[in-house]
Amino acid sequence: MHASDLETTLPLVDRGTPVLDAARMIAGERLPVLVITDDKGRPAAVISAVDVLGLLIPSYLRDDTSLSGVLDENGSDEVWAEARGHTVGELLDDEGVDVHDLLTVEPDATLVEVATLMAAARASVALVTGGPPRFVTLPALTDAILRLSDRSSGDDA
């Protein structure tokens, strides 16, 4: 099994993507990360879904989390309204956000090689080189490893 056997498409966002649109992508596709493109539209970096969540929450609540306990759904409109003006670019410029270079793997990289590279880079997604943007995701990789492990052990679970 090779990287090309596990590849899939992922949505791409750029600096100008509104944070609410990014959050919709994360929720709709159950993404652990967002892939950010460079100014030429090529996949270049990765930010975590948790960092996107942080940008949805106003800074005064992030600074004093105890305030969040006094807000209920009736008061949350004000909280979420502030997120409307934010973009993914703000995350890229925030020193508190870990922006990771996008790990790349060759299409013929073996399952063991892809797993090793992703673990070493602590990456939950890797770009498969040599064509249109296609990715190996951590869930797909883990699923393949478990299927092979189950098959080699004779476990039919």
N, C-alpha and C. Protein backbone atom coordinates (compact mmCIF):
# COMPACT_ATOMS: atom_id res chain seq x y z
N MET A 1 0.85 -1.17 0.00
CA MET A 1 0.00 0.00 0.00
C MET A 1 0.90 1.24 0.00
N HIS A 2 0.47 2.22 -0.79
CA HIS A 2 1.26 3.44 -0.96
C HIS A 2 0.41 4.68 -0.65
N ALA A 3 1.11 5.81 -0.58
CA ALA A 3 0.42 7.08 -0.30
C ALA A 3 -0.68 7.34 -1.33
N SER A 4 -0.42 7.00 -2.58
CA SER A 4 -1.42 7.24 -3.63
C SER A 4 -2.69 6.42 -3.42
N ASP A 5 -2.60 5.32 -2.68
CA ASP A 5 -3.78 4.50 -2.38
C ASP A 5 -4.65 5.12 -1.29
N LEU A 6 -4.09 6.03 -0.52
CA LEU A 6 -4.79 6.63 0.62
C LEU A 6 -5.22 8.07 0.37
N GLU A 7 -4.79 8.64 -0.75
CA GLU A 7 -5.00 10.07 -0.96
C GLU A 7 -6.47 10.43 -1.15
N THR A 8 -6.75 11.65 -0.72
CA THR A 8 -8.10 12.21 -0.82
C THR A 8 -7.98 13.71 -1.04
N THR A 9 -9.07 14.33 -1.40
CA THR A 9 -9.06 15.79 -1.53
C THR A 9 -9.45 16.41 -0.19
N LEU A 10 -8.99 17.60 0.04
CA LEU A 10 -9.38 18.39 1.20
C LEU A 10 -9.69 19.80 0.72
N PRO A 11 -10.58 20.49 1.40
CA PRO A 11 -10.82 21.88 1.01
C PRO A 11 -9.59 22.72 1.32
N LEU A 12 -9.36 23.70 0.47
CA LEU A 12 -8.23 24.62 0.65
C LEU A 12 -8.78 26.00 0.98
N VAL A 13 -8.09 26.71 1.85
CA VAL A 13 -8.47 28.08 2.18
C VAL A 13 -7.27 28.98 2.00
N ASP A 14 -7.53 30.26 1.85
CA ASP A 14 -6.44 31.23 1.75
C ASP A 14 -6.56 32.26 2.86
N ARG A 15 -5.65 33.20 2.88
CA ARG A 15 -5.61 34.21 3.95
C ARG A 15 -6.92 34.98 4.06
N GLY A 16 -7.59 35.20 2.95
CA GLY A 16 -8.80 36.01 2.96
C GLY A 16 -10.07 35.26 3.31
N THR A 17 -9.98 33.96 3.52
CA THR A 17 -11.18 33.18 3.84
C THR A 17 -11.75 33.64 5.18
N PRO A 18 -13.03 34.00 5.21
CA PRO A 18 -13.65 34.37 6.49
C PRO A 18 -13.59 33.20 7.47
N VAL A 19 -13.32 33.50 8.72
CA VAL A 19 -13.16 32.44 9.72
C VAL A 19 -14.45 31.63 9.88
N LEU A 20 -15.60 32.26 9.70
CA LEU A 20 -16.86 31.50 9.79
C LEU A 20 -16.98 30.49 8.66
N ASP A 21 -16.50 30.83 7.46
CA ASP A 21 -16.49 29.87 6.36
C ASP A 21 -15.54 28.72 6.66
N ALA A 22 -14.38 29.06 7.22
CA ALA A 22 -13.41 28.03 7.61
C ALA A 22 -14.02 27.09 8.65
N ALA A 23 -14.72 27.66 9.61
CA ALA A 23 -15.36 26.85 10.65
C ALA A 23 -16.43 25.94 10.06
N ARG A 24 -17.17 26.44 9.07
CA ARG A 24 -18.19 25.61 8.40
C ARG A 24 -17.54 24.43 7.69
N MET A 25 -16.39 24.66 7.06
CA MET A 25 -15.66 23.56 6.40
C MET A 25 -15.24 22.52 7.42
N ILE A 26 -14.70 22.99 8.53
CA ILE A 26 -14.24 22.08 9.59
C ILE A 26 -15.41 21.24 10.09
N ALA A 27 -16.53 21.89 10.37
CA ALA A 27 -17.69 21.17 10.90
C ALA A 27 -18.30 20.25 9.85
N GLY A 28 -18.45 20.74 8.64
CA GLY A 28 -19.11 19.96 7.60
C GLY A 28 -18.35 18.74 7.16
N GLU A 29 -17.02 18.83 7.19
CA GLU A 29 -16.20 17.71 6.73
C GLU A 29 -15.43 17.04 7.86
N ARG A 30 -15.71 17.48 9.09
CA ARG A 30 -15.07 16.89 10.28
C ARG A 30 -13.55 16.92 10.15
N LEU A 31 -13.02 18.09 9.84
CA LEU A 31 -11.59 18.26 9.60
C LEU A 31 -10.84 18.58 10.90
N PRO A 32 -9.70 17.92 11.13
CA PRO A 32 -8.89 18.27 12.29
C PRO A 32 -7.98 19.47 12.03
N VAL A 33 -7.76 19.76 10.73
CA VAL A 33 -6.87 20.85 10.32
C VAL A 33 -7.44 21.52 9.09
N LEU A 34 -6.91 22.70 8.80
CA LEU A 34 -7.20 23.38 7.54
C LEU A 34 -5.90 23.52 6.76
N VAL A 35 -5.97 23.28 5.46
CA VAL A 35 -4.82 23.47 4.59
C VAL A 35 -4.93 24.86 3.99
N ILE A 36 -3.86 25.63 4.16
CA ILE A 36 -3.82 27.03 3.72
C ILE A 36 -2.97 27.11 2.45
N THR A 37 -3.45 27.86 1.47
CA THR A 37 -2.69 28.03 0.24
C THR A 37 -1.81 29.27 0.30
N ASP A 38 -0.77 29.25 -0.53
CA ASP A 38 0.08 30.44 -0.66
C ASP A 38 -0.58 31.41 -1.63
N ASP A 39 0.12 32.48 -1.98
CA ASP A 39 -0.48 33.50 -2.84
C ASP A 39 -0.69 33.03 -4.28
N LYS A 40 -0.13 31.86 -4.61
CA LYS A 40 -0.34 31.29 -5.95
C LYS A 40 -1.38 30.17 -5.94
N GLY A 41 -2.02 29.97 -4.78
CA GLY A 41 -3.06 28.95 -4.68
C GLY A 41 -2.57 27.54 -4.43
N ARG A 42 -1.28 27.40 -4.11
CA ARG A 42 -0.71 26.08 -3.83
C ARG A 42 -0.78 25.79 -2.34
N PRO A 43 -1.12 24.54 -1.97
CA PRO A 43 -1.12 24.19 -0.55
C PRO A 43 0.24 24.46 0.07
N ALA A 44 0.27 25.14 1.22
CA ALA A 44 1.54 25.55 1.79
C ALA A 44 1.66 25.32 3.29
N ALA A 45 0.57 25.40 4.02
CA ALA A 45 0.66 25.34 5.48
C ALA A 45 -0.60 24.70 6.04
N VAL A 46 -0.52 24.38 7.33
CA VAL A 46 -1.63 23.73 8.02
C VAL A 46 -1.83 24.44 9.36
N ILE A 47 -3.10 24.69 9.70
CA ILE A 47 -3.45 25.17 11.03
C ILE A 47 -4.50 24.24 11.61
N SER A 48 -4.49 24.12 12.92
CA SER A 48 -5.43 23.20 13.56
C SER A 48 -6.83 23.79 13.64
N ALA A 49 -7.80 22.91 13.68
CA ALA A 49 -9.19 23.33 13.85
C ALA A 49 -9.38 24.04 15.18
N VAL A 50 -8.60 23.66 16.17
CA VAL A 50 -8.70 24.30 17.49
C VAL A 50 -8.31 25.77 17.40
N ASP A 51 -7.32 26.09 16.58
CA ASP A 51 -6.93 27.49 16.41
C ASP A 51 -8.04 28.29 15.72
N VAL A 52 -8.73 27.66 14.78
CA VAL A 52 -9.87 28.32 14.14
C VAL A 52 -10.96 28.57 15.19
N LEU A 53 -11.23 27.58 16.03
CA LEU A 53 -12.20 27.75 17.11
C LEU A 53 -11.82 28.94 17.99
N GLY A 54 -10.55 29.06 18.29
CA GLY A 54 -10.09 30.17 19.13
C GLY A 54 -10.40 31.53 18.53
N LEU A 55 -10.36 31.62 17.20
CA LEU A 55 -10.65 32.90 16.55
C LEU A 55 -12.15 33.19 16.54
N LEU A 56 -12.97 32.17 16.72
CA LEU A 56 -14.42 32.38 16.81
C LEU A 56 -14.80 33.01 18.15
N ILE A 57 -13.96 32.80 19.16
CA ILE A 57 -14.24 33.25 20.52
C ILE A 57 -13.58 34.62 20.74
N PRO A 58 -14.30 35.60 21.21
CA PRO A 58 -13.71 36.93 21.44
C PRO A 58 -12.52 36.87 22.39
N SER A 59 -11.59 37.76 22.17
CA SER A 59 -10.36 37.77 22.97
C SER A 59 -10.64 37.96 24.45
N TYR A 60 -11.67 38.74 24.82
CA TYR A 60 -11.93 38.95 26.24
C TYR A 60 -12.34 37.64 26.93
N LEU A 61 -12.97 36.73 26.20
CA LEU A 61 -13.32 35.43 26.78
C LEU A 61 -12.11 34.49 26.82
N ARG A 62 -11.26 34.59 25.81
CA ARG A 62 -10.03 33.77 25.83
C ARG A 62 -9.11 34.23 26.95
N ASP A 63 -9.11 35.54 27.22
CA ASP A 63 -8.25 36.09 28.28
C ASP A 63 -8.77 35.75 29.67
N ASP A 64 -10.07 35.67 29.84
CA ASP A 64 -10.68 35.35 31.14
C ASP A 64 -11.78 34.32 30.91
N THR A 65 -11.41 33.06 30.91
CA THR A 65 -12.35 31.99 30.59
C THR A 65 -13.51 31.89 31.58
N SER A 66 -13.34 32.43 32.78
CA SER A 66 -14.44 32.37 33.76
C SER A 66 -15.66 33.16 33.28
N LEU A 67 -15.45 34.16 32.44
CA LEU A 67 -16.58 34.93 31.91
C LEU A 67 -17.50 34.09 31.03
N SER A 68 -16.95 33.07 30.41
CA SER A 68 -17.77 32.25 29.51
C SER A 68 -18.87 31.51 30.25
N GLY A 69 -18.69 31.27 31.53
CA GLY A 69 -19.68 30.56 32.33
C GLY A 69 -20.94 31.36 32.60
N VAL A 70 -20.90 32.67 32.42
CA VAL A 70 -22.08 33.48 32.69
C VAL A 70 -22.89 33.76 31.42
N LEU A 71 -22.37 33.34 30.28
CA LEU A 71 -23.09 33.54 29.02
C LEU A 71 -23.86 32.28 28.66
N ASP A 72 -25.11 32.47 28.25
CA ASP A 72 -25.88 31.33 27.76
C ASP A 72 -26.18 31.57 26.28
N GLU A 73 -27.01 30.73 25.70
CA GLU A 73 -27.31 30.85 24.28
C GLU A 73 -27.93 32.21 23.94
N ASN A 74 -28.69 32.78 24.86
CA ASN A 74 -29.31 34.08 24.59
C ASN A 74 -28.27 35.18 24.43
N GLY A 75 -27.17 35.09 25.14
CA GLY A 75 -26.12 36.09 25.04
C GLY A 75 -25.05 35.75 24.04
N SER A 76 -25.14 34.57 23.46
CA SER A 76 -24.07 34.13 22.57
C SER A 76 -24.09 34.81 21.21
N ASP A 77 -25.22 35.41 20.83
CA ASP A 77 -25.26 36.11 19.54
C ASP A 77 -24.16 37.16 19.47
N GLU A 78 -23.97 37.89 20.56
CA GLU A 78 -22.93 38.91 20.62
C GLU A 78 -21.54 38.28 20.48
N VAL A 79 -21.37 37.14 21.11
CA VAL A 79 -20.08 36.44 21.07
C VAL A 79 -19.75 36.05 19.63
N TRP A 80 -20.70 35.41 18.96
CA TRP A 80 -20.41 34.90 17.61
C TRP A 80 -20.40 36.02 16.58
N ALA A 81 -21.09 37.11 16.85
CA ALA A 81 -21.12 38.23 15.90
C ALA A 81 -19.72 38.80 15.68
N GLU A 82 -18.92 38.81 16.73
CA GLU A 82 -17.57 39.36 16.61
C GLU A 82 -16.71 38.55 15.63
N ALA A 83 -17.00 37.28 15.50
CA ALA A 83 -16.21 36.41 14.62
C ALA A 83 -16.41 36.75 13.15
N ARG A 84 -17.50 37.39 12.82
CA ARG A 84 -17.82 37.67 11.41
C ARG A 84 -16.75 38.49 10.70
N GLY A 85 -16.03 39.30 11.40
CA GLY A 85 -15.04 40.14 10.75
C GLY A 85 -13.66 39.54 10.64
N HIS A 86 -13.46 38.34 11.14
CA HIS A 86 -12.13 37.73 11.16
C HIS A 86 -11.88 36.85 9.94
N THR A 87 -10.58 36.74 9.58
CA THR A 87 -10.18 35.89 8.46
C THR A 87 -9.10 34.91 8.90
N VAL A 88 -8.88 33.92 8.06
CA VAL A 88 -7.84 32.93 8.32
C VAL A 88 -6.47 33.60 8.39
N GLY A 89 -6.28 34.67 7.65
CA GLY A 89 -5.01 35.39 7.67
C GLY A 89 -4.61 35.86 9.05
N GLU A 90 -5.60 36.19 9.89
CA GLU A 90 -5.30 36.61 11.26
C GLU A 90 -4.66 35.47 12.05
N LEU A 91 -5.07 34.25 11.78
CA LEU A 91 -4.45 33.11 12.45
C LEU A 91 -3.00 32.96 12.02
N LEU A 92 -2.75 33.16 10.73
CA LEU A 92 -1.39 33.01 10.22
C LEU A 92 -0.46 34.06 10.80
N ASP A 93 -1.01 35.22 11.14
CA ASP A 93 -0.20 36.31 11.69
C ASP A 93 -0.09 36.28 13.21
N ASP A 94 -0.86 35.44 13.86
CA ASP A 94 -0.90 35.37 15.33
C ASP A 94 0.25 34.53 15.85
N GLU A 95 1.10 35.13 16.68
CA GLU A 95 2.25 34.40 17.23
C GLU A 95 1.84 33.25 18.13
N GLY A 96 0.63 33.28 18.66
CA GLY A 96 0.16 32.22 19.54
C GLY A 96 -0.39 31.01 18.79
N VAL A 97 -0.46 31.10 17.47
CA VAL A 97 -0.99 30.00 16.66
C VAL A 97 0.16 29.26 16.01
N ASP A 98 0.13 27.95 16.13
CA ASP A 98 1.14 27.12 15.48
C ASP A 98 0.74 26.89 14.03
N VAL A 99 1.47 27.53 13.13
CA VAL A 99 1.28 27.31 11.70
C VAL A 99 2.38 26.35 11.27
N HIS A 100 1.96 25.22 10.72
CA HIS A 100 2.93 24.18 10.35
C HIS A 100 3.11 24.13 8.84
N ASP A 101 4.37 23.97 8.43
CA ASP A 101 4.61 23.71 7.02
C ASP A 101 3.92 22.42 6.65
N LEU A 102 3.50 22.32 5.42
CA LEU A 102 2.79 21.14 4.95
C LEU A 102 3.79 20.03 4.63
N LEU A 103 3.65 18.91 5.30
CA LEU A 103 4.47 17.73 5.03
C LEU A 103 4.14 17.21 3.64
N THR A 104 5.16 16.82 2.88
CA THR A 104 4.93 16.22 1.57
C THR A 104 5.46 14.80 1.55
N VAL A 105 4.76 13.95 0.80
CA VAL A 105 5.18 12.56 0.61
C VAL A 105 5.04 12.22 -0.87
N GLU A 106 5.88 11.33 -1.33
CA GLU A 106 5.82 10.87 -2.71
C GLU A 106 4.63 9.92 -2.88
N PRO A 107 4.04 9.86 -4.06
CA PRO A 107 2.90 8.97 -4.28
C PRO A 107 3.23 7.50 -4.03
N ASP A 108 4.50 7.12 -4.27
CA ASP A 108 4.88 5.72 -4.08
C ASP A 108 5.46 5.43 -2.69
N ALA A 109 5.37 6.40 -1.79
CA ALA A 109 5.83 6.16 -0.40
C ALA A 109 4.99 5.05 0.21
N THR A 110 5.65 4.15 0.90
CA THR A 110 4.94 3.02 1.51
C THR A 110 4.15 3.47 2.73
N LEU A 111 3.25 2.62 3.16
CA LEU A 111 2.44 2.89 4.34
C LEU A 111 3.34 3.15 5.55
N VAL A 112 4.36 2.34 5.72
CA VAL A 112 5.28 2.51 6.85
C VAL A 112 6.02 3.83 6.74
N GLU A 113 6.44 4.18 5.54
CA GLU A 113 7.16 5.44 5.33
C GLU A 113 6.26 6.64 5.63
N VAL A 114 5.04 6.61 5.12
CA VAL A 114 4.11 7.72 5.37
C VAL A 114 3.83 7.84 6.87
N ALA A 115 3.58 6.71 7.52
CA ALA A 115 3.30 6.72 8.97
C ALA A 115 4.49 7.29 9.74
N THR A 116 5.69 6.87 9.37
CA THR A 116 6.89 7.34 10.07
C THR A 116 7.09 8.84 9.87
N LEU A 117 6.93 9.31 8.64
CA LEU A 117 7.11 10.73 8.36
C LEU A 117 6.06 11.58 9.08
N MET A 118 4.81 11.12 9.05
CA MET A 118 3.75 11.89 9.71
C MET A 118 3.95 11.90 11.22
N ALA A 119 4.36 10.78 11.80
CA ALA A 119 4.60 10.74 13.24
C ALA A 119 5.77 11.64 13.62
N ALA A 120 6.85 11.59 12.84
CA ALA A 120 8.02 12.41 13.14
C ALA A 120 7.70 13.90 13.04
N ALA A 121 6.87 14.26 12.08
CA ALA A 121 6.51 15.67 11.89
C ALA A 121 5.32 16.08 12.75
N ARG A 122 4.73 15.11 13.47
CA ARG A 122 3.52 15.35 14.25
C ARG A 122 2.44 15.99 13.36
N ALA A 123 2.31 15.44 12.16
CA ALA A 123 1.40 15.97 11.15
C ALA A 123 0.16 15.09 11.03
N SER A 124 -0.99 15.70 10.95
CA SER A 124 -2.21 14.93 10.76
C SER A 124 -2.66 14.92 9.30
N VAL A 125 -1.87 15.56 8.44
CA VAL A 125 -2.15 15.55 7.01
C VAL A 125 -0.82 15.70 6.26
N ALA A 126 -0.73 15.05 5.10
CA ALA A 126 0.45 15.18 4.25
C ALA A 126 0.00 15.35 2.81
N LEU A 127 0.68 16.23 2.09
CA LEU A 127 0.40 16.46 0.68
C LEU A 127 1.12 15.40 -0.15
N VAL A 128 0.38 14.73 -1.03
CA VAL A 128 0.98 13.77 -1.95
C VAL A 128 1.45 14.56 -3.16
N THR A 129 2.74 14.47 -3.48
CA THR A 129 3.34 15.28 -4.54
C THR A 129 2.98 14.74 -5.92
N GLY A 130 3.22 15.59 -6.93
CA GLY A 130 3.16 15.12 -8.30
C GLY A 130 1.83 15.23 -9.01
N GLY A 131 0.94 16.03 -8.55
CA GLY A 131 -0.34 16.16 -9.24
C GLY A 131 -1.18 17.22 -8.59
N PRO A 132 -2.48 17.19 -8.89
CA PRO A 132 -3.37 18.14 -8.21
C PRO A 132 -3.36 17.87 -6.71
N PRO A 133 -3.71 18.86 -5.90
CA PRO A 133 -3.63 18.68 -4.45
C PRO A 133 -4.46 17.50 -3.94
N ARG A 134 -3.76 16.50 -3.44
CA ARG A 134 -4.35 15.31 -2.82
C ARG A 134 -3.57 15.07 -1.54
N PHE A 135 -4.25 14.52 -0.54
CA PHE A 135 -3.67 14.43 0.79
C PHE A 135 -3.87 13.05 1.41
N VAL A 136 -2.94 12.69 2.28
CA VAL A 136 -3.13 11.54 3.16
C VAL A 136 -3.48 12.13 4.52
N THR A 137 -4.60 11.68 5.09
CA THR A 137 -5.02 12.17 6.40
C THR A 137 -4.72 11.13 7.47
N LEU A 138 -4.57 11.60 8.68
CA LEU A 138 -4.29 10.70 9.80
C LEU A 138 -5.36 9.62 9.95
N PRO A 139 -6.66 9.96 9.89
CA PRO A 139 -7.66 8.89 10.01
C PRO A 139 -7.54 7.82 8.92
N ALA A 140 -7.30 8.22 7.67
CA ALA A 140 -7.15 7.24 6.58
C ALA A 140 -5.92 6.38 6.80
N LEU A 141 -4.83 6.99 7.22
CA LEU A 141 -3.60 6.26 7.49
C LEU A 141 -3.79 5.26 8.63
N THR A 142 -4.39 5.71 9.71
CA THR A 142 -4.62 4.84 10.87
C THR A 142 -5.54 3.69 10.49
N ASP A 143 -6.58 3.97 9.72
CA ASP A 143 -7.49 2.92 9.28
C ASP A 143 -6.74 1.86 8.46
N ALA A 144 -5.89 2.29 7.55
CA ALA A 144 -5.12 1.34 6.73
C ALA A 144 -4.19 0.50 7.59
N ILE A 145 -3.53 1.13 8.55
CA ILE A 145 -2.63 0.40 9.45
C ILE A 145 -3.41 -0.65 10.23
N LEU A 146 -4.55 -0.26 10.77
CA LEU A 146 -5.36 -1.20 11.57
C LEU A 146 -5.90 -2.35 10.71
N ARG A 147 -6.33 -2.05 9.48
CA ARG A 147 -6.82 -3.12 8.60
C ARG A 147 -5.70 -4.11 8.29
N LEU A 148 -4.51 -3.61 8.01
CA LEU A 148 -3.38 -4.50 7.73
C LEU A 148 -2.98 -5.28 8.98
N SER A 149 -3.01 -4.62 10.12
CA SER A 149 -2.67 -5.28 11.38
C SER A 149 -3.68 -6.38 11.68
N ASP A 150 -4.97 -6.09 11.52
CA ASP A 150 -6.01 -7.09 11.76
C ASP A 150 -5.87 -8.26 10.81
N ARG A 151 -5.56 -7.97 9.55
CA ARG A 151 -5.42 -9.03 8.55
C ARG A 151 -4.23 -9.92 8.87
N SER A 152 -3.12 -9.31 9.30
CA SER A 152 -1.92 -10.11 9.59
C SER A 152 -2.06 -10.91 10.87
N SER A 153 -2.93 -10.45 11.79
CA SER A 153 -3.12 -11.19 13.04
C SER A 153 -4.27 -12.18 12.94
N GLY A 154 -5.00 -12.12 11.82
CA GLY A 154 -6.13 -13.03 11.66
C GLY A 154 -7.38 -12.55 12.36
N ASP A 155 -7.36 -11.32 12.90
CA ASP A 155 -8.52 -10.74 13.60
C ASP A 155 -9.49 -10.19 12.57
N ASP A 156 -10.73 -10.57 12.65
CA ASP A 156 -11.73 -10.10 11.70
C ASP A 156 -12.53 -8.92 12.22
N ALA A 157 -12.11 -8.29 13.30
CA ALA A 157 -12.87 -7.19 13.92
C ALA A 157 -12.94 -5.99 13.03
